[in-house]
N, C-alpha and C. Protein backbone atom coordinates (compact mmCIF):
# COMPACT_ATOMS: atom_id res chain seq x y z
N MET A 1 89.95 -87.89 -140.24
CA MET A 1 90.10 -89.04 -139.42
C MET A 1 91.39 -89.98 -139.60
N ALA A 2 92.32 -90.11 -138.43
CA ALA A 2 93.41 -90.95 -138.69
C ALA A 2 93.08 -92.40 -139.46
N GLU A 3 93.99 -92.92 -139.99
CA GLU A 3 93.72 -94.17 -140.74
C GLU A 3 93.62 -95.07 -139.48
N GLU A 4 92.70 -95.96 -139.70
CA GLU A 4 92.35 -96.95 -138.75
C GLU A 4 93.14 -98.31 -138.98
N ARG A 5 93.78 -98.75 -138.03
CA ARG A 5 94.48 -99.73 -138.05
C ARG A 5 94.11 -100.94 -136.88
N TRP A 6 94.12 -102.04 -137.36
CA TRP A 6 93.68 -103.22 -136.27
C TRP A 6 94.38 -104.68 -136.61
N SER A 7 94.40 -105.32 -135.70
CA SER A 7 94.81 -106.69 -135.80
C SER A 7 94.11 -107.68 -134.68
N LEU A 8 93.83 -108.86 -135.16
CA LEU A 8 93.29 -109.77 -134.27
C LEU A 8 94.06 -111.21 -134.53
N LYS A 9 94.48 -111.96 -133.59
CA LYS A 9 95.04 -113.21 -133.56
C LYS A 9 94.36 -113.98 -132.42
N GLY A 10 94.06 -115.45 -132.96
CA GLY A 10 93.51 -116.12 -131.83
C GLY A 10 93.17 -117.52 -132.42
N ASP A 11 92.10 -118.18 -131.69
CA ASP A 11 91.55 -119.32 -132.04
C ASP A 11 90.06 -119.30 -132.53
N TYR A 12 89.78 -120.07 -133.46
CA TYR A 12 88.45 -120.08 -134.06
C TYR A 12 87.92 -121.26 -134.50
N PHE A 13 86.50 -121.52 -134.45
CA PHE A 13 85.83 -122.77 -134.97
C PHE A 13 84.65 -122.42 -135.60
N GLU A 14 84.23 -123.29 -136.36
CA GLU A 14 82.79 -123.03 -136.94
C GLU A 14 82.15 -124.48 -137.18
N ASN A 15 80.81 -124.43 -137.23
CA ASN A 15 79.98 -125.59 -137.30
C ASN A 15 78.78 -125.29 -138.09
N CYS A 16 78.61 -125.95 -139.43
CA CYS A 16 77.51 -125.58 -140.23
C CYS A 16 76.61 -126.92 -140.33
N ASN A 17 75.51 -126.76 -141.08
CA ASN A 17 74.60 -127.74 -141.24
C ASN A 17 74.86 -128.65 -142.43
N CYS A 18 75.99 -128.42 -143.00
CA CYS A 18 76.27 -129.37 -144.23
C CYS A 18 76.79 -130.66 -143.78
N GLU A 19 76.63 -131.73 -144.47
CA GLU A 19 77.26 -132.98 -144.25
C GLU A 19 78.78 -132.66 -144.37
N VAL A 20 79.52 -133.64 -143.58
CA VAL A 20 80.90 -133.37 -143.85
C VAL A 20 81.57 -134.24 -145.36
N LEU A 21 81.86 -133.57 -146.19
CA LEU A 21 82.82 -132.20 -146.03
C LEU A 21 81.91 -131.03 -146.76
N CYS A 22 81.77 -129.81 -146.25
CA CYS A 22 81.03 -128.59 -146.73
C CYS A 22 81.61 -128.63 -148.18
N PRO A 23 80.56 -128.51 -149.15
CA PRO A 23 80.86 -128.18 -150.61
C PRO A 23 81.69 -126.70 -150.89
N CYS A 24 81.50 -125.92 -150.07
CA CYS A 24 82.12 -124.72 -150.25
C CYS A 24 83.54 -124.68 -150.25
N VAL A 25 84.01 -125.53 -149.41
CA VAL A 25 85.53 -125.74 -149.13
C VAL A 25 86.02 -126.79 -150.28
N VAL A 26 85.44 -127.87 -150.56
CA VAL A 26 85.54 -128.83 -151.40
C VAL A 26 85.89 -128.29 -152.86
N GLN A 27 84.81 -127.61 -153.28
CA GLN A 27 84.87 -127.13 -154.49
C GLN A 27 85.55 -125.84 -154.93
N GLY A 28 86.35 -125.42 -153.82
CA GLY A 28 87.19 -124.02 -154.04
C GLY A 28 86.34 -122.78 -154.08
N GLY A 29 85.06 -122.86 -153.64
CA GLY A 29 84.33 -121.61 -153.73
C GLY A 29 83.01 -121.77 -153.35
N PRO A 30 82.09 -120.87 -153.22
CA PRO A 30 80.64 -120.93 -152.72
C PRO A 30 80.10 -121.93 -153.82
N ALA A 31 79.30 -122.80 -153.26
CA ALA A 31 78.53 -123.82 -153.81
C ALA A 31 77.07 -123.91 -152.91
N VAL A 32 76.40 -124.76 -153.65
CA VAL A 32 74.98 -125.18 -152.97
C VAL A 32 75.30 -125.93 -151.65
N PRO A 33 74.88 -125.63 -150.48
CA PRO A 33 75.10 -126.22 -149.19
C PRO A 33 74.29 -127.73 -149.43
N THR A 34 74.88 -128.80 -148.73
CA THR A 34 74.43 -129.98 -148.86
C THR A 34 72.75 -130.13 -148.48
N GLU A 35 72.30 -129.25 -147.69
CA GLU A 35 71.00 -129.11 -147.12
C GLU A 35 70.17 -128.18 -147.96
N GLY A 36 70.87 -127.67 -148.93
CA GLY A 36 70.14 -126.33 -149.77
C GLY A 36 70.16 -125.01 -149.32
N HIS A 37 70.44 -124.92 -147.89
CA HIS A 37 70.71 -123.78 -147.20
C HIS A 37 71.73 -123.88 -146.24
N CYS A 38 72.32 -122.57 -145.79
CA CYS A 38 73.40 -122.67 -144.68
C CYS A 38 72.85 -122.17 -143.38
N ASP A 39 73.11 -122.88 -142.34
CA ASP A 39 73.01 -122.39 -140.98
C ASP A 39 74.45 -122.67 -140.37
N VAL A 40 75.23 -121.52 -140.04
CA VAL A 40 76.59 -121.53 -139.60
C VAL A 40 76.77 -120.55 -138.53
N ALA A 41 77.65 -120.98 -137.71
CA ALA A 41 78.21 -120.22 -136.62
C ALA A 41 79.57 -120.07 -136.46
N PHE A 42 80.24 -119.01 -136.54
CA PHE A 42 81.77 -118.81 -136.41
C PHE A 42 82.02 -118.21 -135.08
N ALA A 43 82.80 -118.89 -134.26
CA ALA A 43 83.06 -118.37 -133.02
C ALA A 43 84.73 -118.13 -132.80
N PHE A 44 85.11 -117.06 -132.28
CA PHE A 44 86.39 -116.51 -132.09
C PHE A 44 86.85 -116.14 -130.67
N HIS A 45 88.00 -116.48 -130.43
CA HIS A 45 88.55 -116.21 -129.09
C HIS A 45 89.80 -115.45 -129.54
N ILE A 46 90.03 -114.00 -129.04
CA ILE A 46 91.05 -113.17 -129.51
C ILE A 46 92.06 -113.45 -128.29
N GLU A 47 93.16 -113.98 -128.93
CA GLU A 47 94.32 -114.00 -127.94
C GLU A 47 95.23 -112.71 -127.87
N GLU A 48 95.34 -112.15 -128.96
CA GLU A 48 96.03 -110.94 -129.10
C GLU A 48 95.21 -109.91 -130.03
N GLY A 49 94.79 -108.71 -129.68
CA GLY A 49 94.12 -107.87 -130.54
C GLY A 49 94.21 -106.30 -130.22
N ASP A 50 94.29 -105.68 -131.14
CA ASP A 50 94.45 -104.11 -131.01
C ASP A 50 93.66 -103.51 -132.13
N TYR A 51 92.97 -102.37 -131.73
CA TYR A 51 92.39 -101.50 -132.60
C TYR A 51 92.62 -99.91 -132.50
N ASN A 52 93.58 -99.37 -132.97
CA ASN A 52 93.87 -98.07 -132.92
C ASN A 52 94.42 -97.80 -131.34
N GLY A 53 95.30 -98.85 -131.01
CA GLY A 53 95.83 -98.66 -129.54
C GLY A 53 94.81 -99.20 -128.55
N ILE A 54 93.62 -99.64 -128.84
CA ILE A 54 92.70 -100.22 -127.81
C ILE A 54 92.94 -101.68 -127.85
N ALA A 55 93.38 -102.23 -126.69
CA ALA A 55 93.59 -103.70 -126.58
C ALA A 55 92.35 -104.42 -126.51
N LEU A 56 92.47 -105.58 -127.23
CA LEU A 56 91.06 -106.50 -127.28
C LEU A 56 91.47 -107.97 -126.66
N ASN A 57 92.65 -108.07 -126.25
CA ASN A 57 93.11 -109.36 -125.65
C ASN A 57 92.06 -110.03 -124.89
N GLY A 58 91.65 -111.36 -124.99
CA GLY A 58 91.02 -112.21 -124.12
C GLY A 58 89.39 -112.23 -124.51
N LEU A 59 88.97 -111.30 -125.47
CA LEU A 59 87.62 -111.18 -125.79
C LEU A 59 87.35 -112.22 -126.64
N ASN A 60 85.87 -112.59 -126.75
CA ASN A 60 85.34 -113.49 -127.72
C ASN A 60 84.32 -112.81 -128.46
N PHE A 61 83.98 -113.29 -129.71
CA PHE A 61 82.81 -112.83 -130.37
C PHE A 61 82.46 -114.05 -131.30
N VAL A 62 81.15 -113.99 -131.69
CA VAL A 62 80.44 -115.17 -132.45
C VAL A 62 79.61 -114.32 -133.60
N VAL A 63 79.61 -115.05 -134.65
CA VAL A 63 78.80 -114.68 -135.77
C VAL A 63 78.00 -115.77 -136.27
N ALA A 64 76.70 -115.57 -136.18
CA ALA A 64 75.69 -116.73 -136.68
C ALA A 64 75.16 -116.17 -138.22
N VAL A 65 74.98 -117.10 -139.09
CA VAL A 65 74.66 -116.75 -140.46
C VAL A 65 73.75 -117.79 -141.11
N TYR A 66 72.72 -117.20 -141.53
CA TYR A 66 71.84 -118.19 -142.44
C TYR A 66 71.92 -117.51 -143.93
N THR A 67 72.06 -118.59 -144.85
CA THR A 67 71.94 -118.24 -146.24
C THR A 67 70.91 -119.09 -146.89
N PRO A 68 70.04 -118.58 -147.87
CA PRO A 68 69.04 -119.43 -148.37
C PRO A 68 69.51 -120.35 -149.57
N GLY A 69 70.76 -120.30 -149.92
CA GLY A 69 71.03 -121.16 -151.04
C GLY A 69 72.68 -121.11 -150.98
N ASN A 70 73.29 -120.80 -152.25
CA ASN A 70 74.51 -120.65 -152.50
C ASN A 70 75.00 -119.27 -151.72
N MET A 71 76.16 -119.58 -150.99
CA MET A 71 76.57 -118.32 -150.14
C MET A 71 77.10 -117.21 -150.83
N GLY A 72 77.68 -117.50 -152.17
CA GLY A 72 78.24 -116.45 -152.84
C GLY A 72 77.15 -115.49 -153.71
N GLU A 73 75.79 -116.17 -153.68
CA GLU A 73 74.83 -115.44 -154.13
C GLU A 73 74.27 -114.25 -153.20
N GLY A 74 74.67 -114.49 -151.90
CA GLY A 74 74.31 -113.22 -151.02
C GLY A 74 72.94 -113.62 -150.27
N ASN A 75 72.27 -112.51 -149.97
CA ASN A 75 71.01 -112.56 -149.17
C ASN A 75 71.25 -113.15 -147.72
N TRP A 76 72.23 -113.01 -147.18
CA TRP A 76 72.71 -113.53 -145.79
C TRP A 76 71.69 -112.87 -144.88
N THR A 77 71.33 -113.51 -143.88
CA THR A 77 70.95 -113.05 -142.52
C THR A 77 72.02 -113.33 -141.54
N MET A 78 72.41 -112.26 -140.77
CA MET A 78 73.57 -112.29 -139.77
C MET A 78 73.23 -111.63 -138.48
N ALA A 79 73.74 -112.44 -137.41
CA ALA A 79 73.65 -111.91 -136.11
C ALA A 79 74.89 -111.84 -135.67
N ALA A 80 75.23 -110.93 -134.81
CA ALA A 80 76.62 -110.89 -134.10
C ALA A 80 76.45 -110.81 -132.50
N TYR A 81 77.55 -111.55 -131.99
CA TYR A 81 77.34 -111.53 -130.39
C TYR A 81 78.97 -111.05 -130.02
N VAL A 82 78.88 -110.17 -129.01
CA VAL A 82 80.35 -109.96 -128.53
C VAL A 82 80.15 -109.89 -126.92
N ASP A 83 81.45 -110.29 -126.47
CA ASP A 83 81.70 -110.55 -125.09
C ASP A 83 81.32 -109.34 -124.31
N GLN A 84 80.41 -109.56 -123.35
CA GLN A 84 79.95 -108.58 -122.48
C GLN A 84 80.90 -107.89 -121.45
N GLN A 85 82.10 -108.78 -121.43
CA GLN A 85 83.15 -108.19 -120.64
C GLN A 85 83.81 -106.99 -121.33
N ALA A 86 83.53 -106.86 -122.47
CA ALA A 86 84.25 -105.56 -123.28
C ALA A 86 83.66 -104.26 -122.86
N ASP A 87 84.58 -103.25 -122.47
CA ASP A 87 84.06 -102.06 -122.21
C ASP A 87 83.58 -101.27 -123.46
N SER A 88 83.10 -100.13 -123.27
CA SER A 88 82.52 -99.22 -124.28
C SER A 88 83.52 -99.10 -125.56
N GLU A 89 84.86 -98.65 -125.05
CA GLU A 89 85.75 -98.62 -126.33
C GLU A 89 85.97 -99.87 -126.95
N GLN A 90 86.21 -100.96 -126.21
CA GLN A 90 86.36 -102.37 -126.92
C GLN A 90 85.01 -102.68 -127.82
N ARG A 91 83.95 -102.45 -127.14
CA ARG A 91 82.72 -102.66 -127.98
C ARG A 91 82.70 -102.10 -129.33
N GLU A 92 83.09 -100.74 -129.21
CA GLU A 92 82.96 -99.92 -130.37
C GLU A 92 84.01 -100.36 -131.43
N ALA A 93 85.25 -100.89 -130.81
CA ALA A 93 86.33 -101.25 -131.87
C ALA A 93 85.92 -102.64 -132.45
N ILE A 94 85.39 -103.61 -131.72
CA ILE A 94 84.85 -104.70 -132.48
C ILE A 94 83.74 -104.59 -133.42
N ALA A 95 82.85 -103.70 -133.05
CA ALA A 95 81.82 -103.33 -133.94
C ALA A 95 82.34 -102.75 -135.19
N ARG A 96 83.27 -102.02 -135.14
CA ARG A 96 83.78 -101.33 -136.40
C ARG A 96 84.55 -102.31 -137.11
N ILE A 97 85.32 -103.58 -136.54
CA ILE A 97 85.96 -104.50 -137.48
C ILE A 97 84.85 -105.30 -137.95
N LEU A 98 83.74 -105.56 -137.26
CA LEU A 98 82.61 -106.51 -137.85
C LEU A 98 81.88 -105.79 -138.77
N SER A 99 81.89 -104.48 -138.92
CA SER A 99 81.12 -103.81 -139.88
C SER A 99 81.67 -104.10 -141.39
N GLY A 100 82.80 -104.38 -141.44
CA GLY A 100 83.41 -104.68 -142.86
C GLY A 100 83.77 -103.43 -143.57
N ASP A 101 83.68 -102.12 -142.82
CA ASP A 101 84.01 -100.80 -143.59
C ASP A 101 85.61 -100.70 -143.48
N ILE A 102 86.25 -101.36 -142.63
CA ILE A 102 87.76 -101.16 -142.62
C ILE A 102 88.53 -102.58 -142.96
N GLY A 103 88.07 -103.32 -143.84
CA GLY A 103 88.83 -104.29 -144.41
C GLY A 103 88.54 -105.70 -143.69
N GLY A 104 89.55 -106.65 -143.89
CA GLY A 104 89.19 -107.94 -143.21
C GLY A 104 88.30 -108.90 -143.85
N PRO A 105 87.93 -110.00 -143.20
CA PRO A 105 86.99 -110.88 -143.67
C PRO A 105 85.62 -110.36 -143.70
N ALA A 106 85.45 -109.44 -142.76
CA ALA A 106 84.00 -108.84 -142.58
C ALA A 106 83.69 -108.02 -144.01
N GLY A 107 84.73 -107.58 -144.46
CA GLY A 107 84.73 -106.72 -145.55
C GLY A 107 84.16 -107.62 -146.93
N ARG A 108 84.26 -108.90 -146.72
CA ARG A 108 83.64 -109.84 -147.73
C ARG A 108 82.42 -110.33 -147.36
N TRP A 109 82.14 -110.37 -145.94
CA TRP A 109 80.90 -110.98 -145.48
C TRP A 109 79.68 -110.01 -145.69
N MET A 110 80.00 -108.73 -145.37
CA MET A 110 78.79 -107.72 -145.05
C MET A 110 78.25 -107.30 -146.51
N PRO A 111 78.95 -107.26 -147.58
CA PRO A 111 78.31 -107.04 -148.86
C PRO A 111 77.29 -108.02 -149.31
N LEU A 112 77.63 -109.27 -148.81
CA LEU A 112 76.66 -110.45 -149.04
C LEU A 112 75.38 -110.52 -148.12
N THR A 113 75.46 -109.57 -147.01
CA THR A 113 74.38 -109.64 -146.02
C THR A 113 73.34 -108.63 -146.36
N SER A 114 72.03 -109.07 -146.47
CA SER A 114 70.84 -108.16 -146.64
C SER A 114 70.18 -107.94 -145.43
N ASN A 115 70.32 -108.80 -144.34
CA ASN A 115 69.56 -108.62 -143.22
C ASN A 115 70.65 -108.90 -141.96
N PHE A 116 71.10 -107.53 -141.48
CA PHE A 116 72.03 -107.72 -140.40
C PHE A 116 71.18 -107.34 -139.20
N LEU A 117 71.17 -108.43 -138.35
CA LEU A 117 70.35 -108.35 -137.09
C LEU A 117 70.95 -107.63 -135.79
N GLY A 118 72.10 -107.12 -136.04
CA GLY A 118 72.81 -106.29 -135.02
C GLY A 118 73.74 -107.10 -133.99
N ILE A 119 74.12 -106.38 -133.12
CA ILE A 119 75.19 -107.04 -132.02
C ILE A 119 74.39 -107.12 -130.78
N LYS A 120 74.61 -108.35 -130.18
CA LYS A 120 74.13 -108.46 -128.76
C LYS A 120 75.44 -108.63 -127.99
N TYR A 121 75.38 -108.10 -126.88
CA TYR A 121 76.51 -108.16 -125.78
C TYR A 121 76.29 -109.28 -124.80
N SER A 122 76.76 -110.24 -124.71
CA SER A 122 76.42 -111.47 -124.03
C SER A 122 77.73 -112.00 -123.28
N ALA A 123 77.10 -113.01 -122.19
CA ALA A 123 78.35 -113.94 -121.70
C ALA A 123 78.83 -115.06 -122.66
N ILE A 124 79.95 -114.74 -123.05
CA ILE A 124 80.52 -115.93 -124.02
C ILE A 124 81.32 -116.67 -123.50
N THR A 125 81.34 -117.97 -123.45
CA THR A 125 82.35 -118.89 -122.93
C THR A 125 83.03 -119.54 -124.21
N TYR A 126 84.24 -119.54 -124.28
CA TYR A 126 84.94 -120.32 -125.39
C TYR A 126 86.10 -121.13 -124.82
N GLU A 127 85.86 -122.52 -125.29
CA GLU A 127 86.95 -123.44 -124.65
C GLU A 127 87.51 -124.17 -125.82
N ALA A 128 88.80 -124.34 -125.70
CA ALA A 128 89.77 -125.01 -126.73
C ALA A 128 90.51 -125.77 -125.82
N GLU A 129 90.35 -127.12 -126.19
CA GLU A 129 91.34 -128.34 -125.53
C GLU A 129 91.58 -129.30 -126.48
N GLY A 130 92.90 -129.51 -126.93
CA GLY A 130 93.22 -130.52 -127.75
C GLY A 130 92.63 -130.42 -129.12
N HIS A 131 91.80 -131.30 -129.66
CA HIS A 131 91.08 -131.39 -130.79
C HIS A 131 89.63 -130.89 -130.75
N THR A 132 89.38 -130.55 -129.64
CA THR A 132 87.85 -130.02 -129.34
C THR A 132 87.83 -128.53 -129.07
N ARG A 133 86.54 -127.97 -129.44
CA ARG A 133 86.24 -126.53 -129.34
C ARG A 133 84.84 -126.58 -128.90
N ARG A 134 84.45 -125.45 -127.90
CA ARG A 134 82.95 -125.26 -127.59
C ARG A 134 82.85 -123.80 -127.32
N VAL A 135 81.72 -123.24 -127.82
CA VAL A 135 81.29 -121.90 -127.39
C VAL A 135 79.84 -122.01 -127.00
N SER A 136 79.71 -121.04 -125.88
CA SER A 136 78.26 -121.06 -125.37
C SER A 136 77.81 -119.82 -125.04
N ILE A 137 76.59 -119.42 -125.34
CA ILE A 137 76.09 -118.16 -124.86
C ILE A 137 74.68 -118.58 -124.17
N PRO A 138 74.35 -118.33 -122.99
CA PRO A 138 73.05 -118.84 -122.31
C PRO A 138 72.02 -118.48 -123.02
N GLU A 139 71.11 -119.59 -123.30
CA GLU A 139 69.77 -119.42 -123.99
C GLU A 139 69.98 -119.28 -125.45
N ILE A 140 71.07 -119.03 -125.94
CA ILE A 140 71.30 -118.81 -127.28
C ILE A 140 71.86 -119.89 -128.12
N ILE A 141 73.28 -120.15 -127.74
CA ILE A 141 74.15 -121.15 -128.56
C ILE A 141 74.84 -121.98 -127.57
N ASP A 142 74.94 -123.24 -128.08
CA ASP A 142 75.80 -124.17 -127.30
C ASP A 142 76.43 -125.03 -128.56
N PHE A 143 77.59 -124.82 -128.96
CA PHE A 143 78.14 -125.33 -130.22
C PHE A 143 79.35 -125.94 -129.65
N SER A 144 79.61 -127.30 -130.15
CA SER A 144 80.86 -127.82 -129.81
C SER A 144 81.27 -128.88 -130.88
N VAL A 145 82.55 -128.92 -131.34
CA VAL A 145 83.06 -129.69 -132.35
C VAL A 145 84.34 -130.55 -131.80
N GLU A 146 84.54 -131.69 -132.67
CA GLU A 146 85.69 -132.59 -132.38
C GLU A 146 86.38 -132.87 -133.71
N GLY A 147 87.70 -132.56 -133.67
CA GLY A 147 88.35 -132.94 -134.87
C GLY A 147 88.32 -134.45 -135.29
N ILE A 148 88.17 -134.77 -136.69
CA ILE A 148 88.09 -135.84 -137.26
C ILE A 148 89.55 -136.67 -137.28
N VAL A 149 89.86 -137.53 -136.61
CA VAL A 149 90.98 -138.49 -136.77
C VAL A 149 90.87 -139.59 -137.37
N VAL A 150 91.53 -139.91 -138.33
CA VAL A 150 91.50 -141.21 -138.99
C VAL A 150 92.76 -142.20 -138.81
N GLY A 151 92.24 -143.41 -138.23
CA GLY A 151 93.28 -144.41 -137.87
C GLY A 151 94.21 -144.03 -136.67
N SER A 152 95.44 -144.37 -136.69
CA SER A 152 96.34 -143.95 -135.69
C SER A 152 97.23 -142.73 -135.77
N GLN A 153 96.80 -141.79 -136.72
CA GLN A 153 97.51 -140.70 -137.18
C GLN A 153 97.63 -139.58 -135.84
N GLY A 154 96.77 -139.41 -134.94
CA GLY A 154 96.72 -138.87 -133.84
C GLY A 154 96.35 -137.41 -133.88
N GLU A 155 96.13 -136.90 -135.16
CA GLU A 155 95.93 -135.54 -135.36
C GLU A 155 94.78 -135.45 -136.36
N PRO A 156 93.76 -134.65 -136.20
CA PRO A 156 92.79 -134.37 -137.25
C PRO A 156 93.30 -134.13 -138.66
N MET A 157 92.48 -134.69 -139.58
CA MET A 157 92.70 -134.22 -141.02
C MET A 157 92.68 -132.87 -141.09
N ARG A 158 93.61 -132.38 -142.05
CA ARG A 158 93.69 -130.94 -142.25
C ARG A 158 93.59 -130.58 -143.77
N LEU A 159 92.86 -129.72 -144.00
CA LEU A 159 92.69 -129.08 -145.42
C LEU A 159 93.63 -128.03 -145.58
N THR A 160 94.31 -127.79 -146.62
CA THR A 160 95.23 -126.69 -146.86
C THR A 160 95.13 -126.10 -148.20
N ASN A 161 95.29 -124.81 -148.19
CA ASN A 161 95.47 -124.02 -149.30
C ASN A 161 93.79 -123.92 -149.91
N THR A 162 92.99 -123.57 -148.70
CA THR A 162 91.58 -123.25 -149.21
C THR A 162 91.35 -122.03 -149.47
N GLY A 163 90.18 -121.42 -150.00
CA GLY A 163 89.87 -120.21 -150.11
C GLY A 163 88.91 -119.62 -149.02
N HIS A 164 89.16 -120.19 -147.70
CA HIS A 164 88.40 -119.78 -146.71
C HIS A 164 88.74 -118.31 -146.11
N PRO A 165 87.75 -117.59 -145.79
CA PRO A 165 88.09 -116.23 -145.41
C PRO A 165 88.85 -116.21 -144.04
N VAL A 166 88.70 -117.14 -143.24
CA VAL A 166 89.31 -117.16 -141.80
C VAL A 166 90.82 -117.58 -141.95
N ASN A 167 91.17 -118.81 -142.44
CA ASN A 167 92.54 -119.34 -142.63
C ASN A 167 92.68 -120.31 -143.75
N ARG A 168 93.51 -120.17 -144.64
CA ARG A 168 93.60 -121.05 -145.80
C ARG A 168 93.84 -122.55 -145.39
N ASP A 169 94.36 -122.82 -144.12
CA ASP A 169 94.38 -124.08 -143.59
C ASP A 169 93.50 -124.21 -142.48
N LEU A 170 92.75 -125.48 -142.37
CA LEU A 170 91.71 -125.75 -141.43
C LEU A 170 91.55 -127.30 -141.25
N TYR A 171 91.61 -127.50 -139.88
CA TYR A 171 91.42 -128.93 -139.21
C TYR A 171 89.88 -129.15 -139.66
N LEU A 172 89.65 -130.35 -139.96
CA LEU A 172 88.32 -130.91 -140.34
C LEU A 172 87.79 -131.36 -138.87
N ALA A 173 86.47 -131.17 -138.76
CA ALA A 173 85.77 -131.52 -137.36
C ALA A 173 84.20 -131.88 -137.64
N LYS A 174 83.63 -132.37 -136.59
CA LYS A 174 82.22 -132.63 -136.71
C LYS A 174 81.70 -132.24 -135.45
N GLY A 175 80.51 -131.53 -135.49
CA GLY A 175 79.65 -131.24 -134.37
C GLY A 175 79.21 -132.33 -133.46
N THR A 176 79.54 -132.12 -132.17
CA THR A 176 79.29 -133.20 -131.17
C THR A 176 77.84 -132.76 -130.45
N ALA A 177 77.55 -131.59 -130.24
CA ALA A 177 76.30 -131.18 -129.67
C ALA A 177 76.36 -129.54 -129.95
N SER A 178 75.28 -129.23 -130.92
CA SER A 178 75.54 -127.98 -131.54
C SER A 178 74.16 -127.32 -131.74
N THR A 179 73.58 -126.67 -130.89
CA THR A 179 72.33 -125.85 -131.01
C THR A 179 72.24 -124.40 -130.97
N TYR A 180 71.54 -123.88 -131.69
CA TYR A 180 71.42 -122.41 -131.77
C TYR A 180 69.85 -121.99 -131.76
N THR A 181 69.32 -121.05 -131.02
CA THR A 181 68.06 -120.51 -130.98
C THR A 181 68.09 -119.07 -130.75
N ASP A 182 67.75 -118.03 -131.66
CA ASP A 182 67.67 -116.72 -131.69
C ASP A 182 67.14 -116.15 -132.81
N HIS A 183 66.56 -114.99 -132.74
CA HIS A 183 66.00 -114.20 -133.88
C HIS A 183 65.13 -115.12 -134.74
N GLY A 184 64.44 -115.75 -134.06
CA GLY A 184 63.42 -116.77 -134.79
C GLY A 184 63.90 -117.88 -135.47
N MET A 185 65.26 -118.15 -135.36
CA MET A 185 66.17 -119.19 -136.00
C MET A 185 66.27 -120.39 -134.90
N SER A 186 66.21 -121.47 -135.37
CA SER A 186 66.48 -122.65 -134.52
C SER A 186 67.30 -123.80 -135.22
N TRP A 187 68.48 -123.93 -134.95
CA TRP A 187 69.35 -124.95 -135.59
C TRP A 187 69.82 -126.01 -134.47
N ASP A 188 69.99 -127.27 -135.34
CA ASP A 188 70.80 -128.37 -134.67
C ASP A 188 71.80 -128.83 -135.61
N ASN A 189 73.12 -128.51 -135.49
CA ASN A 189 74.17 -128.83 -136.33
C ASN A 189 75.02 -130.10 -135.78
N THR A 190 74.51 -130.70 -134.75
CA THR A 190 75.06 -132.05 -134.16
C THR A 190 75.42 -132.92 -135.35
N SER A 191 76.68 -133.51 -135.34
CA SER A 191 77.10 -134.49 -136.39
C SER A 191 77.41 -133.82 -137.81
N LYS A 192 77.23 -132.58 -137.66
CA LYS A 192 77.51 -132.03 -139.16
C LYS A 192 78.90 -131.42 -139.04
N ASN A 193 79.27 -130.77 -140.33
CA ASN A 193 80.55 -130.35 -140.65
C ASN A 193 81.02 -129.19 -139.67
N GLY A 194 82.40 -129.20 -139.45
CA GLY A 194 83.09 -128.21 -138.73
C GLY A 194 84.55 -128.14 -139.03
N HIS A 195 85.01 -126.91 -138.69
CA HIS A 195 86.45 -126.77 -138.84
C HIS A 195 87.14 -125.98 -137.79
N PHE A 196 88.30 -126.00 -137.44
CA PHE A 196 88.93 -125.11 -136.56
C PHE A 196 90.18 -124.73 -136.96
N SER A 197 90.90 -123.74 -136.34
CA SER A 197 92.24 -123.21 -136.72
C SER A 197 92.59 -122.04 -135.87
N GLN A 198 93.76 -121.40 -136.08
CA GLN A 198 94.13 -120.23 -135.49
C GLN A 198 93.81 -119.32 -136.50
N PHE A 199 93.66 -117.92 -136.28
CA PHE A 199 93.38 -116.88 -137.32
C PHE A 199 94.33 -115.77 -136.90
N ASP A 200 94.73 -114.94 -137.80
CA ASP A 200 95.44 -113.76 -137.80
C ASP A 200 95.09 -112.78 -138.84
N TRP A 201 94.35 -111.89 -138.60
CA TRP A 201 93.81 -110.81 -139.57
C TRP A 201 94.45 -109.33 -138.95
N HIS A 202 94.45 -108.45 -139.98
CA HIS A 202 94.97 -107.26 -139.67
C HIS A 202 94.61 -106.34 -140.79
N TRP A 203 94.45 -105.16 -140.65
CA TRP A 203 94.19 -104.11 -141.56
C TRP A 203 95.00 -102.62 -141.17
N PRO A 204 95.85 -101.97 -142.01
CA PRO A 204 95.85 -102.49 -143.54
C PRO A 204 97.09 -103.61 -143.47
């Protein structure tokens, strides 16, 4: 098989159940979440994407993760959701990227995952306006965050040079209305820690 090549660029945000600020980011590596466990969803909008010549522009995907303790210790439960607008080739391409078998951030996530609940193809709405982000999947997830602005600086606080797998630089945000219910899990991350940024991944 020819070498697999892919690239994804776009907008991302996350919202976890930690108090602001998540210890994983502050302590420079995986730490015990403030609630003892982690309920987190990562939402992505692909502005430009390609897998071996298959265009992935305009598609969305979401990864929802539960960890029973320190994220670095593994034993993750993970569910993935991919835009139902993707055709069969695009679905296969995104599934390959999310498998972690061909590098990228998923190559770090999947070895920590002991219970992968698979991929659902769903209607995903992703909205980005100014310092707010929102993702929704009917009857599954409705997550929204807003950047944390201090004083009159006009721009949310930003963390730089982190070890985060999505981007080293992240804006600091807080959930404004964030619920998830699926696979027997039910979360409410409203008022809890969030981040958003652009992302730029590629392999090799």
